[in-house]
């Protein structure tokens, strides 16, 4: 068993060698051997068999840290391990770091069979080797958020869609305001997003990536029509595996489209568009389209009356499927109902109406066996004075007894436009896109951590400008958040540093 740790290159010395932990505890040649340690041979390899209590296999860290009393912040452990007989649901430590006076466990390296071992409150860090997955696992916790990349976009950006194309890698599509050069598609290359393709769009408000069988699509919600045309249209693009780019596939009539949502029910594929308004009329139909496997295009399946629709969210609870719309404005007021619909008999029917205030987004998430819906409330219109932007956004929880969503928590936000739920290790988080407080677009957007009975509590404040969307994603370089700015051609990528 060896230990390596990270040291800045300027401090590297030629005599820096790995540390052999076992050599610190095994008796030197000629000394009496330990009774519970035996040399064994297995398939041509020699190793040590450890049995019984291993209290004798311990030593003071002062034997290693002769010039510094601190354990390294970055280190690597190399272990060659054979576990021929490990009881089911049993886990054992093969390395532990404890406080000398109290024996409080600081870091433990365990070997387990199957599931993650439970973590006590005293543990500061934990690694475990899963003998079923044959891999080293670790418990991660969010430490701090790092400004990682300035992503300069073609123009102001209303939305970002992050997606993965098999054998091609990770991509991000930005919904940009200007028609030329249009909206950008970026590819993750060498740890950063780089421009990959431009697509002409017309004040694009959102992208949605989805698949139908092996076909890969991107749908754009265009808020405006092409110059010189009365008809407003949004487009669906299909990934061409030969040309390695997205090509126009289908055009659909929309009205100031704000959002697309894609979902599948019983192997049937659907798209729903949030039509915001037609002229000055906000009370219009939004449309659900169904994929026709014969014609291989999307066709109108159902229309639903909406009021300034801004966002759709699809989710499932057990065998039931739901759609919820964020209604923003009915023409005179933002204090209106947003509606949850349930799939019954091949169509969506009203399930529950919830009073919202200029709703701009719904985010559904699950913690354990509990189901939540978070709404981002944008603004409260005031006929006698200026609109209010600093208002509550609300998290609702599904009550299984009443079969309705009830208020769980209010969170004060500033013209919130988006919620994004994500997990780091065992911890759950929500990040809000705060866009405007009535005076400035330069605000802190906030990351909240799940604290059980306390609900979500603020843990990180991120300076943003005109923030309209957050997306969480993972790469081999780590975990990240990206946000879009509707007031500047600059979006940002943040890295979530863990310990």
Protein backbone atom coordinates (compact mmCIF):
# COMPACT_ATOMS: atom_id res chain seq x y z
CA UNK A 1 0.00 0.00 0.00
CA UNK A 2 1.50 3.28 -1.12
CA UNK A 3 0.59 6.95 -0.66
CA UNK A 4 1.29 9.75 -3.17
CA UNK A 5 0.30 13.38 -2.71
CA UNK A 6 0.17 16.47 -4.89
CA UNK A 7 2.90 19.08 -4.49
CA UNK A 8 3.35 22.22 -6.64
CA UNK A 9 5.93 21.60 -9.40
CA UNK A 10 8.18 24.35 -8.01
CA UNK A 11 8.56 22.38 -4.78
CA UNK A 12 9.27 18.99 -6.34
CA UNK A 13 12.57 17.41 -5.38
CA UNK A 14 14.41 14.50 -6.95
CA UNK A 15 14.27 12.46 -3.73
CA UNK A 16 10.44 12.59 -3.41
CA UNK A 17 9.35 8.96 -3.24
CA UNK A 18 6.10 7.12 -2.54
CA UNK A 19 5.55 6.03 1.04
CA UNK A 20 5.08 2.34 1.80
CA UNK A 21 2.61 2.18 4.71
CA UNK A 22 3.11 -1.52 5.37
CA UNK A 23 6.84 -1.04 5.82
CA UNK A 24 6.03 1.26 8.75
CA UNK A 25 4.29 -1.50 10.72
CA UNK A 26 5.84 -4.80 9.64
CA UNK A 27 8.81 -6.05 11.71
CA UNK A 28 12.21 -5.79 10.11
CA UNK A 29 14.10 -8.89 9.12
CA UNK A 30 15.18 -11.01 12.09
CA UNK A 31 12.48 -9.66 14.41
CA UNK A 32 9.57 -11.70 15.73
CA UNK A 33 6.75 -11.85 13.09
CA UNK A 34 3.24 -10.64 13.86
CA UNK A 35 0.88 -13.50 14.76
CA UNK A 36 -2.03 -12.29 12.63
CA UNK A 37 -0.03 -11.46 9.48
CA UNK A 38 1.00 -14.26 7.10
CA UNK A 39 2.75 -14.34 3.77
CA UNK A 40 0.59 -16.11 1.14
CA UNK A 41 0.86 -16.78 -2.58
CA UNK A 42 -2.07 -16.56 -5.01
CA UNK A 43 -1.81 -17.17 -8.75
CA UNK A 44 1.89 -16.39 -8.79
CA UNK A 45 1.62 -13.22 -6.70
CA UNK A 46 2.72 -12.87 -3.08
CA UNK A 47 0.88 -10.85 -0.52
CA UNK A 48 0.04 -10.45 3.14
CA UNK A 49 -3.01 -12.07 4.69
CA UNK A 50 -4.45 -10.03 7.55
CA UNK A 51 -6.63 -11.70 10.18
CA UNK A 52 -7.98 -10.89 13.63
CA UNK A 53 -7.51 -7.55 15.34
CA UNK A 54 -5.13 -5.26 13.53
CA UNK A 55 -4.43 -2.73 16.27
CA UNK A 56 -0.79 -3.69 15.98
CA UNK A 57 -0.77 -2.46 12.38
CA UNK A 58 -0.83 1.22 13.33
CA UNK A 59 1.73 3.96 13.62
CA UNK A 60 1.95 7.64 14.39
CA UNK A 61 1.68 10.07 11.48
CA UNK A 62 4.75 11.81 12.89
CA UNK A 63 6.80 8.99 11.33
CA UNK A 64 5.76 10.30 7.91
CA UNK A 65 5.40 14.04 8.46
CA UNK A 66 8.81 14.97 9.77
CA UNK A 67 8.74 18.55 8.47
CA UNK A 68 5.00 19.30 8.52
CA UNK A 69 2.17 18.35 10.87
CA UNK A 70 -0.62 18.61 8.27
CA UNK A 71 -2.08 15.77 6.26
CA UNK A 72 -1.84 16.59 2.52
CA UNK A 73 -4.93 18.11 0.88
CA UNK A 74 -4.29 16.08 -2.29
CA UNK A 75 -3.11 12.50 -2.22
CA UNK A 76 -3.37 9.17 -4.03
CA UNK A 77 -3.53 5.72 -2.46
CA UNK A 78 -2.45 2.63 -4.39
CA UNK A 79 -3.79 -0.65 -3.02
CA UNK A 80 -3.53 -4.16 -4.41
CA UNK A 81 -6.32 -6.10 -2.74
CA UNK A 82 -7.81 -9.59 -3.00
CA UNK A 83 -11.06 -10.35 -1.14
CA UNK A 84 -11.92 -14.02 -1.74
CA UNK A 85 -14.53 -14.24 1.00
CA UNK A 86 -16.41 -11.11 2.02
CA UNK A 87 -19.78 -11.53 3.71
CA UNK A 88 -22.79 -9.88 2.05
CA UNK A 89 -23.52 -6.35 3.39
CA UNK A 90 -20.25 -6.40 5.33
CA UNK A 91 -17.62 -3.71 5.07
CA UNK A 92 -14.17 -3.48 6.63
CA UNK A 93 -11.56 -0.76 6.89
CA UNK A 94 -8.22 -1.44 5.22
CA UNK A 95 -6.85 2.02 6.04
CA UNK A 96 -7.96 4.67 8.50
CA UNK A 97 -6.67 8.04 9.65
CA UNK A 98 -7.69 8.90 13.23
CA UNK A 99 -7.00 11.63 15.75
CA UNK A 100 -4.33 10.39 18.10
CA UNK A 101 -5.97 11.50 21.34
CA UNK A 102 -9.63 10.71 20.63
CA UNK A 103 -9.43 8.00 17.94
CA UNK A 104 -12.00 10.04 15.95
CA UNK A 105 -12.07 8.77 12.37
CA UNK A 106 -11.01 11.39 9.82
CA UNK A 107 -10.53 9.35 6.65
CA UNK A 108 -11.46 5.72 6.11
CA UNK A 109 -10.76 3.43 3.14
CA UNK A 110 -13.20 0.51 3.24
CA UNK A 111 -13.83 -2.57 1.20
CA UNK A 112 -17.51 -3.40 0.75
CA UNK A 113 -19.72 -5.87 -1.05
CA UNK A 114 -22.31 -3.90 -3.06
CA UNK A 115 -23.91 -0.81 -1.55
CA UNK A 116 -22.25 2.28 -0.13
CA UNK A 117 -21.38 1.93 3.57
CA UNK A 118 -23.19 4.25 5.98
CA UNK A 119 -21.36 7.40 6.97
CA UNK A 120 -21.20 8.51 10.58
CA UNK A 121 -21.35 12.16 11.54
CA UNK A 122 -17.78 11.94 12.84
CA UNK A 123 -16.32 11.00 9.46
CA UNK A 124 -14.78 13.87 7.52
CA UNK A 125 -14.05 11.84 4.37
CA UNK A 126 -14.54 8.32 3.13
CA UNK A 127 -13.34 6.09 0.32
CA UNK A 128 -14.57 2.58 -0.31
CA UNK A 129 -13.78 -0.20 -2.76
CA UNK A 130 -16.91 -1.92 -4.08
CA UNK A 131 -16.02 -5.54 -4.79
CA UNK A 132 -19.08 -5.94 -7.05
CA UNK A 133 -18.31 -2.89 -9.21
CA UNK A 134 -14.56 -3.47 -8.87
CA UNK A 135 -13.94 0.23 -8.48
CA UNK A 136 -12.92 2.80 -5.90
CA UNK A 137 -15.75 5.01 -4.70
CA UNK A 138 -15.72 8.14 -2.59
CA UNK A 139 -18.07 10.39 -0.69
CA UNK A 140 -17.93 13.87 -2.22
CA UNK A 141 -19.10 17.10 -0.67
CA UNK A 142 -19.31 20.53 -2.27
CA UNK A 143 -16.54 22.75 -0.97
CA UNK A 144 -16.52 25.91 -3.09
CA UNK A 145 -17.49 27.17 -6.55
CA UNK A 146 -14.76 28.28 -8.95
CA UNK A 147 -15.06 30.67 -11.91
CA UNK A 148 -13.93 28.23 -14.63
CA UNK A 149 -14.66 29.57 -18.15
CA UNK A 150 -15.91 32.75 -19.78
CA UNK A 151 -18.07 31.57 -22.68
CA UNK A 152 -18.43 34.38 -25.20
CA UNK A 153 -21.64 33.85 -27.17
CA UNK A 154 -22.92 35.25 -30.48
CA UNK A 155 -25.29 37.60 -28.63
CA UNK A 156 -27.38 37.73 -25.47
CA UNK A 157 -28.39 34.22 -24.35
CA UNK A 158 -31.77 33.20 -22.94
CA UNK A 159 -31.15 29.48 -22.42
CA UNK A 160 -28.49 26.78 -22.46
CA UNK A 161 -29.09 23.11 -23.25
CA UNK A 162 -26.31 20.66 -22.34
CA UNK A 163 -26.44 17.21 -23.93
CA UNK A 164 -24.30 14.24 -24.92
CA UNK A 165 -24.06 12.62 -28.34
CA UNK A 166 -22.76 9.03 -28.22
CA UNK A 167 -19.24 8.65 -29.62
CA UNK A 168 -19.07 12.42 -30.20
CA UNK A 169 -19.00 13.92 -26.72
CA UNK A 170 -20.59 16.71 -24.70
CA UNK A 171 -22.28 19.72 -26.33
CA UNK A 172 -24.06 22.90 -25.25
CA UNK A 173 -26.60 24.80 -27.37
CA UNK A 174 -27.15 28.49 -26.55
CA UNK A 175 -30.43 30.22 -27.42
CA UNK A 176 -29.22 33.59 -28.72
CA UNK A 177 -31.10 36.81 -29.45
CA UNK A 178 -29.48 37.85 -32.74
CA UNK A 179 -30.43 36.04 -35.97
CA UNK A 180 -26.92 36.25 -37.37
CA UNK A 181 -24.71 34.42 -36.87
CA UNK A 182 -27.55 32.86 -34.88
CA UNK A 183 -27.43 30.48 -31.95
CA UNK A 184 -24.26 28.58 -31.18
CA UNK A 185 -23.57 24.93 -30.52
CA UNK A 186 -20.43 24.35 -28.49
CA UNK A 187 -18.44 21.16 -27.98
CA UNK A 188 -16.49 20.26 -24.86
CA UNK A 189 -12.86 19.98 -26.01
CA UNK A 190 -9.83 19.72 -23.71
CA UNK A 191 -11.86 20.75 -20.68
CA UNK A 192 -13.59 23.81 -22.22
CA UNK A 193 -16.56 24.62 -24.46
CA UNK A 194 -15.51 25.63 -28.00
CA UNK A 195 -17.75 26.85 -30.83
CA UNK A 196 -18.75 23.93 -33.06
CA UNK A 197 -21.71 25.09 -35.22
CA UNK A 198 -23.92 28.14 -35.77
CA UNK A 199 -27.64 27.86 -36.58
CA UNK A 200 -29.77 30.80 -37.75
CA UNK A 201 -32.51 31.46 -35.19
CA UNK A 202 -34.94 34.30 -34.54
CA UNK A 203 -34.60 35.57 -30.97
CA UNK A 204 -34.32 31.99 -29.78
CA UNK A 205 -35.62 31.47 -26.25
CA UNK A 206 -34.83 27.80 -25.60
CA UNK A 207 -33.35 24.59 -27.01
CA UNK A 208 -34.44 21.04 -26.24
CA UNK A 209 -32.39 17.94 -27.06
CA UNK A 210 -34.23 14.63 -27.35
CA UNK A 211 -34.08 11.29 -29.10
CA UNK A 212 -36.56 9.16 -31.01
CA UNK A 213 -35.06 5.69 -31.21
CA UNK A 214 -31.56 6.21 -32.60
CA UNK A 215 -32.43 9.64 -34.06
CA UNK A 216 -31.07 12.69 -32.22
CA UNK A 217 -32.85 16.05 -32.41
CA UNK A 218 -32.62 19.66 -31.25
CA UNK A 219 -35.78 21.78 -31.16
CA UNK A 220 -35.47 25.57 -30.96
CA UNK A 221 -38.20 27.90 -29.64
CA UNK A 222 -38.12 31.05 -31.79
CA UNK A 223 -39.76 34.06 -30.18
CA UNK A 224 -39.98 35.96 -33.48
CA UNK A 225 -40.61 35.07 -37.11
CA UNK A 226 -38.33 35.47 -40.07
CA UNK A 227 -38.19 39.05 -41.44
CA UNK A 228 -40.88 39.69 -44.03
CA UNK A 229 -43.04 36.73 -42.96
CA UNK A 230 -46.21 36.91 -40.91
CA UNK A 231 -46.00 33.26 -39.86
CA UNK A 232 -43.83 32.54 -36.82
CA UNK A 233 -42.02 29.21 -36.90
CA UNK A 234 -39.83 27.11 -34.67
CA UNK A 235 -37.58 24.41 -36.04
CA UNK A 236 -36.46 20.88 -35.28
CA UNK A 237 -32.94 19.90 -36.31
CA UNK A 238 -31.61 16.36 -36.63
CA UNK A 239 -28.04 15.24 -36.01
CA UNK A 240 -26.41 14.01 -39.22
CA UNK A 241 -23.90 11.32 -38.31
CA UNK A 242 -22.13 11.64 -41.68
CA UNK A 243 -21.70 15.43 -41.72
CA UNK A 244 -21.41 15.53 -37.91
CA UNK A 245 -23.71 18.51 -37.48
CA UNK A 246 -27.38 19.38 -37.00
CA UNK A 247 -29.50 19.87 -40.14
CA UNK A 248 -33.03 21.24 -40.48
CA UNK A 249 -35.62 18.46 -40.20
CA UNK A 250 -39.08 19.95 -39.54
CA UNK A 251 -40.72 23.36 -39.20
CA UNK A 252 -43.72 24.00 -36.91
CA UNK A 253 -45.89 27.09 -36.53
CA UNK A 254 -45.55 28.65 -33.08
CA UNK A 255 -46.46 31.97 -31.43
CA UNK A 256 -43.69 33.78 -29.52
CA UNK A 257 -42.45 30.37 -28.43
CA UNK A 258 -40.69 30.33 -25.07
CA UNK A 259 -39.95 26.67 -24.43
CA UNK A 260 -40.05 23.09 -25.68
CA UNK A 261 -40.45 19.99 -23.53
CA UNK A 262 -39.91 16.45 -24.86
CA UNK A 263 -41.22 13.30 -23.19
CA UNK A 264 -42.18 9.69 -23.80
CA UNK A 265 -45.30 7.86 -22.61
CA UNK A 266 -45.67 4.15 -23.31
CA UNK A 267 -43.03 4.29 -26.06
CA UNK A 268 -44.81 7.20 -27.80
CA UNK A 269 -42.78 10.39 -28.26
CA UNK A 270 -44.21 13.87 -27.65
CA UNK A 271 -43.18 17.53 -27.88
CA UNK A 272 -45.02 20.41 -26.25
CA UNK A 273 -44.42 24.08 -27.02
CA UNK A 274 -45.07 27.03 -24.71
CA UNK A 275 -46.76 29.63 -26.93
CA UNK A 276 -46.38 32.90 -25.05
CA UNK A 277 -48.67 35.23 -27.01
CA UNK A 278 -50.11 35.95 -30.44
CA UNK A 279 -49.91 39.68 -31.09
CA UNK A 280 -51.11 41.25 -27.84
CA UNK A 281 -53.20 38.23 -26.84
CA UNK A 282 -51.57 36.11 -24.13
CA UNK A 283 -54.53 33.75 -23.72
CA UNK A 284 -53.85 31.31 -26.56
CA UNK A 285 -53.31 27.59 -27.08
CA UNK A 286 -50.06 25.82 -26.48
CA UNK A 287 -49.68 22.64 -28.51
CA UNK A 288 -48.68 19.04 -27.81
CA UNK A 289 -47.25 17.19 -30.81
CA UNK A 290 -46.93 13.41 -31.19
CA UNK A 291 -44.33 11.62 -33.29
CA UNK A 292 -45.91 9.73 -36.17
CA UNK A 293 -43.74 6.64 -36.77
CA UNK A 294 -45.24 6.28 -40.25
CA UNK A 295 -44.60 9.78 -41.60
CA UNK A 296 -41.64 10.25 -39.21
CA UNK A 297 -42.69 13.80 -38.27
CA UNK A 298 -44.39 15.45 -35.30
CA UNK A 299 -48.14 16.08 -35.69
CA UNK A 300 -50.62 18.02 -33.54
CA UNK A 301 -52.01 15.75 -30.83
CA UNK A 302 -53.67 18.13 -28.32
CA UNK A 303 -54.05 21.84 -27.61
CA UNK A 304 -54.16 23.35 -24.11
CA UNK A 305 -55.27 26.89 -23.29
CA UNK A 306 -52.46 28.83 -21.58
CA UNK A 307 -51.84 32.43 -20.45
CA UNK A 308 -48.45 33.78 -21.44
CA UNK A 309 -46.96 30.29 -21.23
CA UNK A 310 -43.26 30.39 -20.36
CA UNK A 311 -42.25 26.83 -19.50
CA UNK A 312 -43.44 23.22 -19.52
CA UNK A 313 -42.16 20.48 -17.19
CA UNK A 314 -42.94 16.79 -17.62
CA UNK A 315 -42.57 14.33 -14.74
CA UNK A 316 -43.76 10.97 -13.49
CA UNK A 317 -44.85 9.77 -10.06
CA UNK A 318 -45.17 6.02 -9.96
CA UNK A 319 -47.37 4.95 -12.90
CA UNK A 320 -48.75 8.47 -13.47
CA UNK A 321 -47.45 11.10 -15.91
CA UNK A 322 -47.86 14.86 -15.50
CA UNK A 323 -47.30 18.12 -17.37
CA UNK A 324 -47.16 21.45 -15.57
CA UNK A 325 -47.20 24.84 -17.30
CA UNK A 326 -45.77 28.11 -16.01
CA UNK A 327 -48.35 30.78 -16.92
CA UNK A 328 -46.83 34.27 -16.74
CA UNK A 329 -49.46 36.82 -17.77
CA UNK A 330 -53.12 36.84 -18.79
CA UNK A 331 -52.85 40.29 -20.37
CA UNK A 332 -53.56 42.32 -17.25
CA UNK A 333 -52.20 40.41 -14.25
CA UNK A 334 -49.36 38.07 -13.29
CA UNK A 335 -51.32 36.75 -10.28
CA UNK A 336 -52.81 33.81 -12.14
CA UNK A 337 -53.04 30.04 -11.95
CA UNK A 338 -50.47 27.69 -13.37
CA UNK A 339 -51.89 24.24 -13.98
CA UNK A 340 -50.71 20.66 -13.51
CA UNK A 341 -52.16 18.18 -16.00
CA UNK A 342 -52.34 14.40 -15.63
CA UNK A 343 -52.28 11.86 -18.46
CA UNK A 344 -55.58 9.94 -18.48
CA UNK A 345 -57.15 8.01 -21.32
CA UNK A 346 -54.62 9.14 -23.91
CA UNK A 347 -54.90 12.87 -23.17
CA UNK A 348 -53.78 15.41 -20.57
CA UNK A 349 -56.51 16.58 -18.18
CA UNK A 350 -56.38 19.26 -15.44
CA UNK A 351 -55.14 17.84 -12.13
CA UNK A 352 -54.41 20.87 -9.93
CA UNK A 353 -54.15 24.65 -10.29
CA UNK A 354 -51.58 26.59 -8.26
CA UNK A 355 -51.57 30.37 -7.81
CA UNK A 356 -48.31 31.79 -9.20
CA UNK A 357 -46.90 35.28 -9.77
CA UNK A 358 -45.46 35.73 -13.23
CA UNK A 359 -44.28 32.11 -13.26
CA UNK A 360 -41.31 31.47 -15.54
CA UNK A 361 -40.14 27.94 -14.68
CA UNK A 362 -41.05 24.70 -12.96
CA UNK A 363 -38.44 22.24 -11.68
CA UNK A 364 -39.49 18.79 -10.51
CA UNK A 365 -37.14 16.76 -8.29
CA UNK A 366 -37.22 13.81 -5.95
CA UNK A 367 -35.44 13.36 -2.61
CA UNK A 368 -35.79 9.82 -1.32
CA UNK A 369 -39.47 8.97 -1.68
CA UNK A 370 -40.58 12.62 -1.58
CA UNK A 371 -41.63 14.54 -4.72
CA UNK A 372 -41.22 18.32 -5.09
CA UNK A 373 -42.10 21.05 -7.59
CA UNK A 374 -40.28 24.39 -7.45
CA UNK A 375 -41.75 27.40 -9.27
CA UNK A 376 -39.72 30.47 -10.25
CA UNK A 377 -41.90 33.56 -9.88
CA UNK A 378 -40.78 36.44 -12.09
CA UNK A 379 -42.67 39.61 -11.21
CA UNK A 380 -45.81 41.05 -9.66
CA UNK A 381 -47.49 43.67 -11.82
CA UNK A 382 -48.69 46.72 -9.91
CA UNK A 383 -51.19 48.96 -11.68
CA UNK A 384 -50.58 51.77 -9.17
CA UNK A 385 -46.80 51.73 -9.25
CA UNK A 386 -43.69 49.91 -10.39
CA UNK A 387 -43.72 46.14 -10.68
CA UNK A 388 -42.30 44.08 -7.84
CA UNK A 389 -39.39 41.81 -8.71
CA UNK A 390 -38.20 40.76 -5.27
CA UNK A 391 -40.91 38.24 -4.45
CA UNK A 392 -41.21 34.68 -3.18
CA UNK A 393 -40.64 31.67 -5.36
CA UNK A 394 -42.15 28.52 -3.87
CA UNK A 395 -41.38 24.84 -3.44
CA UNK A 396 -44.35 22.48 -3.29
CA UNK A 397 -44.37 18.88 -2.06
CA UNK A 398 -46.71 16.12 -3.19
CA UNK A 399 -48.94 15.00 -0.33
CA UNK A 400 -49.71 11.33 -0.93
CA UNK A 401 -52.77 11.42 1.33
CA UNK A 402 -54.54 14.33 -0.37
CA UNK A 403 -52.90 13.63 -3.75
CA UNK A 404 -52.13 17.31 -4.21
CA UNK A 405 -49.04 19.50 -4.12
CA UNK A 406 -48.94 21.65 -1.01
CA UNK A 407 -46.63 24.53 -0.12
CA UNK A 408 -43.38 23.37 1.47
CA UNK A 409 -41.13 26.44 1.44
CA UNK A 410 -41.00 30.04 0.21
CA UNK A 411 -37.66 31.44 -0.96
CA UNK A 412 -37.18 35.16 -1.65
CA UNK A 413 -35.89 35.64 -5.23
CA UNK A 414 -35.26 38.49 -7.66
CA UNK A 415 -37.26 38.03 -10.85
CA UNK A 416 -36.36 34.34 -10.85
CA UNK A 417 -36.28 32.73 -14.30
CA UNK A 418 -35.00 29.22 -13.59
CA UNK A 419 -34.41 26.57 -10.96
CA UNK A 420 -31.89 23.75 -11.42
CA UNK A 421 -31.72 20.73 -9.10
CA UNK A 422 -28.51 18.71 -8.80
CA UNK A 423 -26.63 16.38 -6.47
CA UNK A 424 -23.03 16.28 -5.31
CA UNK A 425 -22.31 13.04 -3.51
CA UNK A 426 -25.15 12.53 -1.06
CA UNK A 427 -26.04 16.24 -0.88
CA UNK A 428 -28.92 17.78 -2.84
CA UNK A 429 -28.95 21.34 -4.17
CA UNK A 430 -31.12 23.92 -5.92
CA UNK A 431 -29.67 26.92 -7.75
CA UNK A 432 -31.86 29.85 -8.76
CA UNK A 433 -31.38 32.23 -11.68
CA UNK A 434 -31.96 35.71 -10.23
CA UNK A 435 -32.25 38.09 -13.19
CA UNK A 436 -33.45 41.53 -12.00
CA UNK A 437 -34.37 43.36 -8.80
CA UNK A 438 -36.01 46.38 -10.42
CA UNK A 439 -32.82 48.42 -10.47
CA UNK A 440 -30.01 46.15 -11.64
CA UNK A 441 -29.36 42.97 -13.60
CA UNK A 442 -26.09 42.34 -11.71
CA UNK A 443 -27.22 40.15 -8.83
CA UNK A 444 -26.21 37.13 -6.84
CA UNK A 445 -27.78 33.88 -7.93
CA UNK A 446 -27.87 31.48 -5.01
CA UNK A 447 -27.16 27.79 -4.43
CA UNK A 448 -29.33 26.23 -1.73
CA UNK A 449 -28.56 22.92 0.01
CA UNK A 450 -31.17 20.46 1.24
CA UNK A 451 -31.18 20.35 5.03
CA UNK A 452 -34.09 17.99 5.67
CA UNK A 453 -36.53 19.49 8.15
CA UNK A 454 -35.03 22.96 7.55
CA UNK A 455 -35.73 22.71 3.82
CA UNK A 456 -33.26 24.40 1.47
CA UNK A 457 -30.75 26.82 3.02
CA UNK A 458 -28.42 29.21 1.11
CA UNK A 459 -24.80 28.05 0.95
CA UNK A 460 -23.20 29.87 -2.01
CA UNK A 461 -23.84 33.23 -3.68
CA UNK A 462 -22.68 33.49 -7.29
CA UNK A 463 -22.37 36.92 -8.96
CA UNK A 464 -24.35 36.84 -12.24
CA UNK A 465 -25.55 39.34 -14.82
CA UNK A 466 -29.02 38.96 -16.31
CA UNK A 467 -29.03 35.27 -15.39
CA UNK A 468 -31.82 33.35 -17.14
CA UNK A 469 -30.83 29.68 -17.01
CA UNK A 470 -28.65 27.20 -15.12
CA UNK A 471 -27.50 23.79 -16.33
CA UNK A 472 -25.59 21.21 -14.30
CA UNK A 473 -23.31 18.71 -16.04
CA UNK A 474 -20.47 16.27 -15.40
CA UNK A 475 -17.30 15.53 -17.36
CA UNK A 476 -14.08 13.66 -16.66
CA UNK A 477 -12.74 16.99 -15.41
CA UNK A 478 -15.41 17.23 -12.69
CA UNK A 479 -18.85 18.72 -12.02
CA UNK A 480 -19.92 22.08 -13.44
CA UNK A 481 -22.67 24.69 -13.63
CA UNK A 482 -23.19 26.94 -16.64
CA UNK A 483 -25.45 30.00 -16.73
CA UNK A 484 -26.78 32.12 -19.59
CA UNK A 485 -27.01 35.90 -19.60
CA UNK A 486 -29.90 37.69 -21.35
CA UNK A 487 -28.17 41.07 -21.03
CA UNK A 488 -24.64 40.26 -22.18
CA UNK A 489 -22.97 38.06 -24.83
CA UNK A 490 -21.06 36.37 -22.03
CA UNK A 491 -22.11 33.22 -20.23
CA UNK A 492 -20.06 31.54 -17.53
CA UNK A 493 -19.04 28.06 -16.53
CA UNK A 494 -18.40 27.36 -12.83
CA UNK A 495 -16.59 24.32 -11.47
CA UNK A 496 -17.90 22.65 -8.33
CA UNK A 497 -14.86 21.80 -6.24
CA UNK A 498 -15.39 18.98 -3.77
CA UNK A 499 -13.55 17.38 -0.90
